[in-house]
């Protein structure tokens, strides 16, 4: 049996030398989905692409025709079971306390388990490069222990600390005045040494235990420092100005989920053409509490002349339909946003990164209401760049939502700003950039491949 396996591995090395890529991600939709289009593209141009993640994504990977390696040693922690596995999370009430808890238990402590699985994968699939979401904490292990280059994919707003910006993770917007910069420097010290000290200590202990280099980085900087390159979803126009941009960072445009060619009739409802104002609201799939955003939106607009389209993500759809059975309300589990957004005037969201970027791509001004799971940083940017209105809460009341939507319709600045950023988005081609960087990194790590052939793989 061992001889057979050895022969298979030798065949893999011989036939796909320099073209073997392992994708890896934290088991959550916001970490998995943004990587799918790049994975499919690289596979289409000749790379042997495989993926390490939770069994939860086995079906999706099968549809993409990508071989799946499930978590074995790593704990199956997902957005759905994290509170069950870690009851202490429910005791963390503040944004900072909850973020510290997630950074430690959901991310940092999983790194050695991920690495053990990845080592086992490498024995049967000797990959040349790993592509992982920027929060995948085994990146440093692969770079330092296995000497294999990695590409981190920025699936949240750019996390790197800057001397020009407030600390990351608090949803603060920058000030570029001398006094503002002085205040921000003090806040960065407070964040590193007080607010995020618990998770920074967990990271420091991990590095010490496993012999990883550590130079005092905070949890938001470590993966960027240790990866070979960062492909950042979005464009410079959706990031704050910084004079000390890390050269590893390459903006790629919006990294949106792979979408297969349509094989069925597009989603449509006749009411889309009957209303002057169309509002789309969603909380994504991870947030199950519809009282946070969906219900307040329905309460705000149920007696108005606006069409309200609700994508529940599968949460309480039947109950909501019964409670809000009105002509101007459409409630569905899932709606293809690419098919409905061209009809929409305002997008109400809790600030998931993928949905926000898709809204920008479709030139939709937004009302955003999100705090936890990093959403405060996303919502802060929407407000700062006047792409919409940031309500700075997870539980807006109907009156807040009505006023925000009315302001967006009253003031064309929001629509104009989001349209300009959408045009910037269209100037980027994430797949081509990813293919170029993959080829360069593999060639740099395996210079002998350059001598064999100058023919491009794409």
Protein backbone atom coordinates (compact mmCIF):
# COMPACT_ATOMS: atom_id res chain seq x y z
CA UNK A 1 0.00 0.00 0.00
CA UNK A 2 2.79 2.44 0.90
CA UNK A 3 4.47 1.77 -2.45
CA UNK A 4 1.23 2.62 -4.26
CA UNK A 5 0.89 5.89 -2.33
CA UNK A 6 4.54 6.73 -3.02
CA UNK A 7 3.98 6.13 -6.74
CA UNK A 8 0.91 8.36 -6.71
CA UNK A 9 2.81 11.17 -4.99
CA UNK A 10 5.69 10.82 -7.44
CA UNK A 11 3.20 11.08 -10.29
CA UNK A 12 1.69 14.24 -8.80
CA UNK A 13 5.13 15.80 -8.48
CA UNK A 14 6.08 14.85 -12.04
CA UNK A 15 2.91 15.97 -13.80
CA UNK A 16 2.07 19.13 -11.83
CA UNK A 17 5.46 20.43 -10.74
CA UNK A 18 5.12 24.10 -9.82
CA UNK A 19 1.35 24.08 -10.25
CA UNK A 20 0.05 22.65 -6.99
CA UNK A 21 -1.95 25.02 -4.81
CA UNK A 22 -3.64 24.34 -1.52
CA UNK A 23 -6.42 26.72 -0.54
CA UNK A 24 -7.26 26.94 3.15
CA UNK A 25 -9.70 29.00 5.13
CA UNK A 26 -11.37 29.52 8.46
CA UNK A 27 -14.72 27.67 8.33
CA UNK A 28 -17.05 30.61 7.80
CA UNK A 29 -18.82 31.87 4.67
CA UNK A 30 -17.09 35.24 4.77
CA UNK A 31 -13.71 33.48 4.73
CA UNK A 32 -14.58 30.77 2.19
CA UNK A 33 -16.69 32.56 -0.44
CA UNK A 34 -14.26 35.35 -1.44
CA UNK A 35 -11.59 32.78 -2.38
CA UNK A 36 -13.77 30.67 -4.66
CA UNK A 37 -13.54 32.72 -7.86
CA UNK A 38 -9.73 32.80 -7.70
CA UNK A 39 -9.62 29.05 -7.03
CA UNK A 40 -11.83 28.26 -10.01
CA UNK A 41 -9.81 30.56 -12.27
CA UNK A 42 -6.46 29.05 -11.27
CA UNK A 43 -7.86 25.58 -11.84
CA UNK A 44 -9.11 26.62 -15.29
CA UNK A 45 -5.61 27.73 -16.37
CA UNK A 46 -3.88 24.52 -15.39
CA UNK A 47 -3.15 24.54 -11.67
CA UNK A 48 -3.90 21.55 -9.47
CA UNK A 49 -6.12 23.26 -6.89
CA UNK A 50 -7.29 21.57 -3.69
CA UNK A 51 -8.90 22.95 -0.54
CA UNK A 52 -8.57 22.39 3.20
CA UNK A 53 -11.53 23.45 5.32
CA UNK A 54 -14.55 22.25 7.26
CA UNK A 55 -16.80 19.43 6.07
CA UNK A 56 -19.50 22.08 5.95
CA UNK A 57 -18.09 23.15 2.57
CA UNK A 58 -17.72 19.71 1.02
CA UNK A 59 -20.83 20.14 -1.11
CA UNK A 60 -19.81 23.53 -2.44
CA UNK A 61 -16.33 22.29 -3.30
CA UNK A 62 -17.79 19.29 -5.09
CA UNK A 63 -19.84 21.64 -7.27
CA UNK A 64 -16.65 23.56 -8.04
CA UNK A 65 -14.90 20.27 -8.89
CA UNK A 66 -12.18 21.00 -6.32
CA UNK A 67 -10.82 18.20 -4.16
CA UNK A 68 -11.60 18.71 -0.50
CA UNK A 69 -9.45 17.90 2.51
CA UNK A 70 -11.58 18.09 5.69
CA UNK A 71 -10.52 19.20 9.13
CA UNK A 72 -9.19 16.16 11.01
CA UNK A 73 -7.15 17.31 13.99
CA UNK A 74 -8.62 20.79 13.91
CA UNK A 75 -11.73 21.50 15.93
CA UNK A 76 -14.83 22.02 13.78
CA UNK A 77 -15.66 25.52 14.97
CA UNK A 78 -18.14 27.36 12.79
CA UNK A 79 -20.28 30.46 13.15
CA UNK A 80 -23.19 28.16 13.95
CA UNK A 81 -21.62 26.12 16.77
CA UNK A 82 -19.06 28.54 18.27
CA UNK A 83 -21.33 29.52 21.18
CA UNK A 84 -22.06 25.87 21.94
CA UNK A 85 -18.39 24.88 21.88
CA UNK A 86 -17.31 27.95 23.82
CA UNK A 87 -20.09 28.94 26.26
CA UNK A 88 -17.84 31.64 27.67
CA UNK A 89 -18.35 33.63 24.48
CA UNK A 90 -21.87 34.55 25.55
CA UNK A 91 -20.47 36.25 28.65
CA UNK A 92 -18.42 38.63 26.50
CA UNK A 93 -20.82 41.53 26.12
CA UNK A 94 -18.70 44.40 24.83
CA UNK A 95 -17.36 44.56 21.28
CA UNK A 96 -13.74 44.41 22.52
CA UNK A 97 -14.38 41.51 24.92
CA UNK A 98 -16.15 39.50 22.23
CA UNK A 99 -13.46 40.25 19.67
CA UNK A 100 -10.72 39.19 22.11
CA UNK A 101 -12.57 35.94 22.79
CA UNK A 102 -12.99 35.16 19.08
CA UNK A 103 -9.39 36.05 18.25
CA UNK A 104 -8.11 33.69 20.93
CA UNK A 105 -10.46 30.70 20.63
CA UNK A 106 -11.82 30.82 17.08
CA UNK A 107 -8.57 31.84 15.40
CA UNK A 108 -5.24 31.71 17.28
CA UNK A 109 -5.74 28.48 19.24
CA UNK A 110 -6.75 26.60 16.11
CA UNK A 111 -3.42 27.27 14.36
CA UNK A 112 -1.47 24.20 15.61
CA UNK A 113 -4.42 21.96 14.74
CA UNK A 114 -4.62 23.41 11.23
CA UNK A 115 -0.88 22.94 10.84
CA UNK A 116 -1.01 19.28 11.86
CA UNK A 117 -3.69 18.65 9.23
CA UNK A 118 -1.75 20.60 6.59
CA UNK A 119 1.40 18.57 7.21
CA UNK A 120 -0.60 15.39 6.64
CA UNK A 121 -2.05 16.85 3.44
CA UNK A 122 1.42 17.80 2.19
CA UNK A 123 2.57 14.19 2.49
CA UNK A 124 0.01 13.15 -0.15
CA UNK A 125 -0.30 16.47 -1.99
CA UNK A 126 3.06 18.27 -1.99
CA UNK A 127 1.65 21.71 -2.75
CA UNK A 128 3.93 24.48 -4.00
CA UNK A 129 1.96 27.38 -2.53
CA UNK A 130 -0.87 27.96 -0.08
CA UNK A 131 -3.60 30.57 -0.52
CA UNK A 132 -5.57 31.31 2.64
CA UNK A 133 -7.85 33.96 4.04
CA UNK A 134 -5.96 36.57 6.04
CA UNK A 135 -7.37 35.28 9.35
CA UNK A 136 -6.16 31.71 8.79
CA UNK A 137 -3.64 31.45 11.62
CA UNK A 138 -1.52 28.61 10.23
CA UNK A 139 0.03 30.92 7.63
CA UNK A 140 3.15 31.51 9.75
CA UNK A 141 3.53 27.76 10.35
CA UNK A 142 3.50 27.02 6.61
CA UNK A 143 5.92 29.86 5.82
CA UNK A 144 8.39 29.21 8.64
CA UNK A 145 8.15 25.48 9.33
CA UNK A 146 7.51 24.18 5.81
CA UNK A 147 9.28 26.94 3.87
CA UNK A 148 6.35 27.13 1.46
CA UNK A 149 5.19 30.55 0.23
CA UNK A 150 1.71 31.72 1.09
CA UNK A 151 -0.71 34.29 -0.24
CA UNK A 152 -3.08 35.77 2.32
CA UNK A 153 -6.36 37.09 0.99
CA UNK A 154 -7.78 40.16 2.72
CA UNK A 155 -11.41 39.27 3.27
CA UNK A 156 -11.94 42.21 5.65
CA UNK A 157 -10.77 45.83 5.34
CA UNK A 158 -6.97 46.08 5.34
CA UNK A 159 -5.76 45.22 8.83
CA UNK A 160 -2.16 46.46 8.88
CA UNK A 161 -1.29 49.00 11.59
CA UNK A 162 -0.35 52.43 10.26
CA UNK A 163 1.20 55.50 11.88
CA UNK A 164 -1.52 57.50 10.11
CA UNK A 165 -4.54 55.62 11.47
CA UNK A 166 -6.35 54.75 14.69
CA UNK A 167 -6.01 51.18 15.98
CA UNK A 168 -7.73 48.47 13.97
CA UNK A 169 -10.76 46.64 15.29
CA UNK A 170 -12.59 49.50 17.00
CA UNK A 171 -14.39 50.95 13.99
CA UNK A 172 -12.73 54.35 14.36
CA UNK A 173 -12.20 56.71 11.43
CA UNK A 174 -8.87 58.51 10.93
CA UNK A 175 -7.84 62.07 11.56
CA UNK A 176 -4.94 63.50 9.56
CA UNK A 177 -4.36 66.61 11.67
CA UNK A 178 -1.28 66.84 13.90
CA UNK A 179 -3.44 66.62 17.01
CA UNK A 180 -5.48 63.77 15.53
CA UNK A 181 -2.35 61.77 14.75
CA UNK A 182 -1.06 62.31 18.26
CA UNK A 183 -4.32 61.04 19.71
CA UNK A 184 -4.30 58.04 17.36
CA UNK A 185 -0.75 57.11 18.44
CA UNK A 186 -1.93 57.05 22.04
CA UNK A 187 -4.95 54.97 21.10
CA UNK A 188 -2.77 52.47 19.25
CA UNK A 189 -0.73 52.01 22.46
CA UNK A 190 -3.89 51.55 24.50
CA UNK A 191 -5.26 49.03 22.02
CA UNK A 192 -2.06 46.96 21.91
CA UNK A 193 -1.27 47.06 25.63
CA UNK A 194 -4.70 47.14 27.23
CA UNK A 195 -7.71 46.49 24.99
CA UNK A 196 -6.27 43.64 22.92
CA UNK A 197 -3.64 42.52 25.40
CA UNK A 198 -5.49 39.23 26.14
CA UNK A 199 -5.44 38.04 22.52
CA UNK A 200 -1.95 39.44 21.91
CA UNK A 201 -0.72 37.36 24.86
CA UNK A 202 -2.31 34.23 23.38
CA UNK A 203 -0.50 34.93 20.10
CA UNK A 204 2.82 35.51 21.87
CA UNK A 205 2.46 32.24 23.81
CA UNK A 206 1.64 30.34 20.60
CA UNK A 207 4.76 31.64 18.87
CA UNK A 208 6.93 30.81 21.88
CA UNK A 209 5.51 27.31 22.22
CA UNK A 210 5.98 26.39 18.57
CA UNK A 211 9.17 28.31 17.82
CA UNK A 212 7.66 30.89 15.46
CA UNK A 213 9.33 34.25 15.05
CA UNK A 214 7.57 36.99 16.94
CA UNK A 215 8.62 40.61 17.14
CA UNK A 216 5.79 41.98 19.28
CA UNK A 217 3.21 42.26 16.49
CA UNK A 218 -0.42 42.59 17.48
CA UNK A 219 -2.98 40.04 16.32
CA UNK A 220 -4.09 42.19 13.40
CA UNK A 221 -0.58 42.51 11.97
CA UNK A 222 0.96 39.10 12.47
CA UNK A 223 -0.34 37.26 9.41
CA UNK A 224 0.46 40.19 7.14
CA UNK A 225 4.01 40.27 8.48
CA UNK A 226 4.51 36.53 7.99
CA UNK A 227 2.83 35.90 4.64
CA UNK A 228 4.66 36.30 1.34
CA UNK A 229 1.98 38.53 -0.13
CA UNK A 230 -1.49 39.90 0.63
CA UNK A 231 -4.20 40.13 -2.02
CA UNK A 232 -6.58 42.70 -0.55
CA UNK A 233 -10.23 42.56 -1.55
CA UNK A 234 -11.47 46.02 -2.65
CA UNK A 235 -9.48 48.95 -4.03
CA UNK A 236 -7.55 51.90 -2.57
CA UNK A 237 -10.69 54.01 -2.74
CA UNK A 238 -12.24 51.91 0.03
CA UNK A 239 -9.26 52.17 2.35
CA UNK A 240 -7.96 55.03 4.45
CA UNK A 241 -4.88 56.87 3.21
CA UNK A 242 -1.65 55.67 4.76
CA UNK A 243 1.89 56.79 4.04
CA UNK A 244 3.43 53.51 5.24
CA UNK A 245 1.61 50.98 3.08
CA UNK A 246 3.28 47.56 3.31
CA UNK A 247 4.70 46.60 -0.13
CA UNK A 248 3.26 43.12 0.36
CA UNK A 249 -0.23 44.56 -0.09
CA UNK A 250 -1.81 44.36 -3.55
CA UNK A 251 -5.37 45.59 -3.98
CA UNK A 252 -7.23 43.16 -6.21
CA UNK A 253 -10.66 44.71 -6.61
CA UNK A 254 -13.71 43.12 -4.97
CA UNK A 255 -13.18 39.41 -4.36
CA UNK A 256 -16.70 38.06 -4.74
CA UNK A 257 -17.90 34.44 -4.71
CA UNK A 258 -17.62 32.39 -7.87
CA UNK A 259 -20.85 32.49 -9.83
CA UNK A 260 -21.51 29.70 -12.31
CA UNK A 261 -23.12 30.60 -15.63
CA UNK A 262 -26.87 30.90 -15.19
CA UNK A 263 -28.78 27.77 -16.17
CA UNK A 264 -32.21 28.85 -15.02
CA UNK A 265 -34.51 31.82 -15.37
CA UNK A 266 -33.26 34.80 -13.35
CA UNK A 267 -35.06 35.68 -10.13
CA UNK A 268 -37.76 38.28 -10.69
CA UNK A 269 -40.94 39.60 -9.12
CA UNK A 270 -43.45 41.76 -11.01
CA UNK A 271 -43.57 44.20 -8.10
CA UNK A 272 -40.02 45.32 -8.93
CA UNK A 273 -41.47 47.46 -11.72
CA UNK A 274 -44.36 48.87 -9.70
CA UNK A 275 -42.54 50.88 -7.04
CA UNK A 276 -40.49 54.06 -7.33
CA UNK A 277 -38.41 53.14 -4.29
CA UNK A 278 -36.94 49.67 -3.77
CA UNK A 279 -35.11 48.74 -0.56
CA UNK A 280 -33.10 45.55 -0.06
CA UNK A 281 -32.27 44.35 3.46
CA UNK A 282 -30.18 41.43 4.67
CA UNK A 283 -28.29 40.28 7.76
CA UNK A 284 -26.30 37.61 5.91
CA UNK A 285 -26.42 33.92 6.78
CA UNK A 286 -24.50 33.95 10.07
CA UNK A 287 -26.77 36.34 11.98
CA UNK A 288 -29.91 34.44 12.99
CA UNK A 289 -31.53 37.11 15.17
CA UNK A 290 -33.93 38.85 12.76
CA UNK A 291 -34.94 41.33 15.46
CA UNK A 292 -31.64 43.14 14.97
CA UNK A 293 -32.13 44.57 11.49
CA UNK A 294 -34.77 42.77 9.43
CA UNK A 295 -37.74 43.38 11.72
CA UNK A 296 -36.94 47.05 12.37
CA UNK A 297 -36.65 47.59 8.60
CA UNK A 298 -40.01 45.93 7.97
CA UNK A 299 -41.59 47.97 10.76
CA UNK A 300 -40.11 51.15 9.29
CA UNK A 301 -41.45 50.64 5.77
CA UNK A 302 -44.47 48.31 5.98
CA UNK A 303 -46.96 51.16 5.49
CA UNK A 304 -44.96 53.16 2.97
CA UNK A 305 -44.84 53.34 -0.82
CA UNK A 306 -41.46 51.59 -0.88
CA UNK A 307 -40.97 47.97 -1.92
CA UNK A 308 -39.01 46.13 0.77
CA UNK A 309 -37.12 43.01 -0.32
CA UNK A 310 -35.82 40.82 2.49
CA UNK A 311 -33.19 38.10 2.13
CA UNK A 312 -33.35 36.22 5.42
CA UNK A 313 -30.49 33.78 4.85
CA UNK A 314 -32.90 31.06 5.95
CA UNK A 315 -33.78 32.56 9.35
CA UNK A 316 -37.47 32.83 10.32
CA UNK A 317 -38.67 33.22 6.74
CA UNK A 318 -42.07 31.57 7.30
CA UNK A 319 -42.75 33.54 10.48
CA UNK A 320 -41.78 36.84 8.85
CA UNK A 321 -44.00 36.17 5.85
CA UNK A 322 -46.96 35.55 8.14
CA UNK A 323 -46.30 38.66 10.21
CA UNK A 324 -45.61 40.97 7.25
CA UNK A 325 -48.00 39.70 4.58
CA UNK A 326 -48.18 42.96 2.65
CA UNK A 327 -48.14 43.89 -1.00
CA UNK A 328 -44.97 45.96 -0.65
CA UNK A 329 -42.96 43.24 1.12
CA UNK A 330 -41.05 40.37 -0.50
CA UNK A 331 -39.42 37.86 1.85
CA UNK A 332 -37.19 35.06 0.58
CA UNK A 333 -34.61 32.73 2.12
CA UNK A 334 -32.06 33.57 -0.55
CA UNK A 335 -32.11 35.90 -3.53
CA UNK A 336 -29.28 36.12 -6.08
CA UNK A 337 -28.07 39.63 -5.33
CA UNK A 338 -26.61 40.02 -8.80
CA UNK A 339 -30.14 39.60 -10.15
CA UNK A 340 -32.05 41.79 -7.70
CA UNK A 341 -29.56 44.61 -7.01
CA UNK A 342 -29.98 46.28 -10.44
CA UNK A 343 -33.57 47.09 -9.37
CA UNK A 344 -32.65 48.36 -5.88
CA UNK A 345 -32.25 51.98 -4.75
CA UNK A 346 -30.99 51.54 -1.17
CA UNK A 347 -29.25 48.59 0.46
CA UNK A 348 -29.67 48.03 4.21
CA UNK A 349 -27.11 45.62 5.66
CA UNK A 350 -25.30 44.72 8.86
CA UNK A 351 -22.02 45.27 7.05
CA UNK A 352 -20.77 41.88 5.89
CA UNK A 353 -17.73 42.58 3.70
CA UNK A 354 -18.78 40.58 0.65
CA UNK A 355 -22.29 42.01 0.61
CA UNK A 356 -20.97 45.54 1.10
CA UNK A 357 -18.55 45.20 -1.83
CA UNK A 358 -21.32 43.73 -3.98
CA UNK A 359 -23.52 46.66 -3.07
CA UNK A 360 -20.78 49.08 -4.14
CA UNK A 361 -20.25 47.16 -7.36
CA UNK A 362 -23.97 47.63 -8.09
CA UNK A 363 -23.75 51.35 -7.23
CA UNK A 364 -26.08 51.10 -4.23
CA UNK A 365 -25.89 53.66 -1.43
CA UNK A 366 -26.16 51.87 1.90
CA UNK A 367 -27.52 52.06 5.41
CA UNK A 368 -25.23 49.93 7.57
CA UNK A 369 -25.83 48.69 11.11
CA UNK A 370 -23.16 46.29 12.36
CA UNK A 371 -20.65 46.14 15.21
CA UNK A 372 -19.37 42.64 15.95
CA UNK A 373 -17.27 40.17 13.90
CA UNK A 374 -15.26 43.01 12.41
CA UNK A 375 -18.28 44.74 10.92
CA UNK A 376 -17.53 47.97 12.78
CA UNK A 377 -14.51 48.52 10.50
CA UNK A 378 -16.58 47.94 7.37
CA UNK A 379 -19.43 50.17 8.49
CA UNK A 380 -16.98 52.89 9.52
CA UNK A 381 -15.61 53.02 5.98
CA UNK A 382 -19.09 53.23 4.46
CA UNK A 383 -19.80 56.26 6.63
CA UNK A 384 -16.36 57.88 6.25
CA UNK A 385 -16.40 57.77 2.45
CA UNK A 386 -20.09 58.81 2.39
CA UNK A 387 -21.14 55.71 0.51
CA UNK A 388 -24.08 55.55 2.88
CA UNK A 389 -25.01 56.11 6.50
CA UNK A 390 -23.43 54.23 9.40
CA UNK A 391 -25.93 53.84 12.24
CA UNK A 392 -23.16 52.59 14.61
CA UNK A 393 -25.39 49.99 16.23
CA UNK A 394 -26.51 46.41 15.73
CA UNK A 395 -30.07 47.21 16.80
CA UNK A 396 -31.40 50.29 15.03
CA UNK A 397 -34.96 51.39 15.70
CA UNK A 398 -37.41 51.87 12.81
CA UNK A 399 -37.24 55.68 13.07
CA UNK A 400 -33.44 55.61 12.59
CA UNK A 401 -33.82 53.50 9.47
CA UNK A 402 -36.57 55.72 8.02
CA UNK A 403 -34.51 58.86 8.57
CA UNK A 404 -31.37 57.29 7.08
CA UNK A 405 -33.14 56.06 3.96
CA UNK A 406 -34.88 59.43 3.51
CA UNK A 407 -31.51 61.18 3.79
CA UNK A 408 -30.02 58.95 1.10
CA UNK A 409 -32.89 59.73 -1.27
CA UNK A 410 -32.64 63.44 -0.42
CA UNK A 411 -28.88 63.79 -0.85
CA UNK A 412 -27.40 62.62 -4.20
CA UNK A 413 -23.86 62.71 -2.75
CA UNK A 414 -24.17 59.12 -1.50
CA UNK A 415 -25.17 57.77 -4.90
CA UNK A 416 -22.47 59.77 -6.66
CA UNK A 417 -19.74 58.55 -4.29
CA UNK A 418 -20.69 54.91 -4.56
CA UNK A 419 -20.89 55.17 -8.36
CA UNK A 420 -17.35 56.60 -8.51
CA UNK A 421 -16.03 53.78 -6.34
CA UNK A 422 -17.86 51.21 -8.47
CA UNK A 423 -16.06 52.59 -11.50
CA UNK A 424 -12.74 52.14 -9.67
CA UNK A 425 -13.73 48.55 -8.89
CA UNK A 426 -14.27 47.87 -12.58
CA UNK A 427 -10.65 48.76 -13.36
CA UNK A 428 -9.35 45.76 -11.41
CA UNK A 429 -9.17 42.11 -12.45
CA UNK A 430 -8.65 39.96 -9.38
CA UNK A 431 -8.23 36.69 -11.27
CA UNK A 432 -5.49 38.00 -13.54
CA UNK A 433 -3.64 39.60 -10.64
CA UNK A 434 -3.86 36.42 -8.57
CA UNK A 435 -2.55 34.31 -11.47
CA UNK A 436 0.38 36.67 -11.98
CA UNK A 437 1.35 36.69 -8.30
CA UNK A 438 1.00 32.91 -8.00
CA UNK A 439 3.31 32.37 -10.94
CA UNK A 440 5.88 34.84 -9.57
CA UNK A 441 5.92 33.37 -6.06
CA UNK A 442 6.24 29.77 -7.23
CA UNK A 443 8.99 30.72 -9.68
CA UNK A 444 10.87 32.57 -6.94
CA UNK A 445 10.65 29.59 -4.60
CA UNK A 446 11.50 27.09 -7.37
CA UNK A 447 13.90 28.89 -9.73
CA UNK A 448 14.67 25.68 -11.62
CA UNK A 449 11.15 25.83 -13.10
CA UNK A 450 12.04 29.00 -15.02
CA UNK A 451 14.74 27.13 -16.88
CA UNK A 452 12.40 24.35 -18.06
CA UNK A 453 9.94 26.51 -19.91
CA UNK A 454 9.16 30.15 -20.54
CA UNK A 455 5.64 29.32 -21.57
CA UNK A 456 3.00 30.89 -19.32
CA UNK A 457 0.45 28.69 -17.57
CA UNK A 458 -2.32 31.07 -18.52
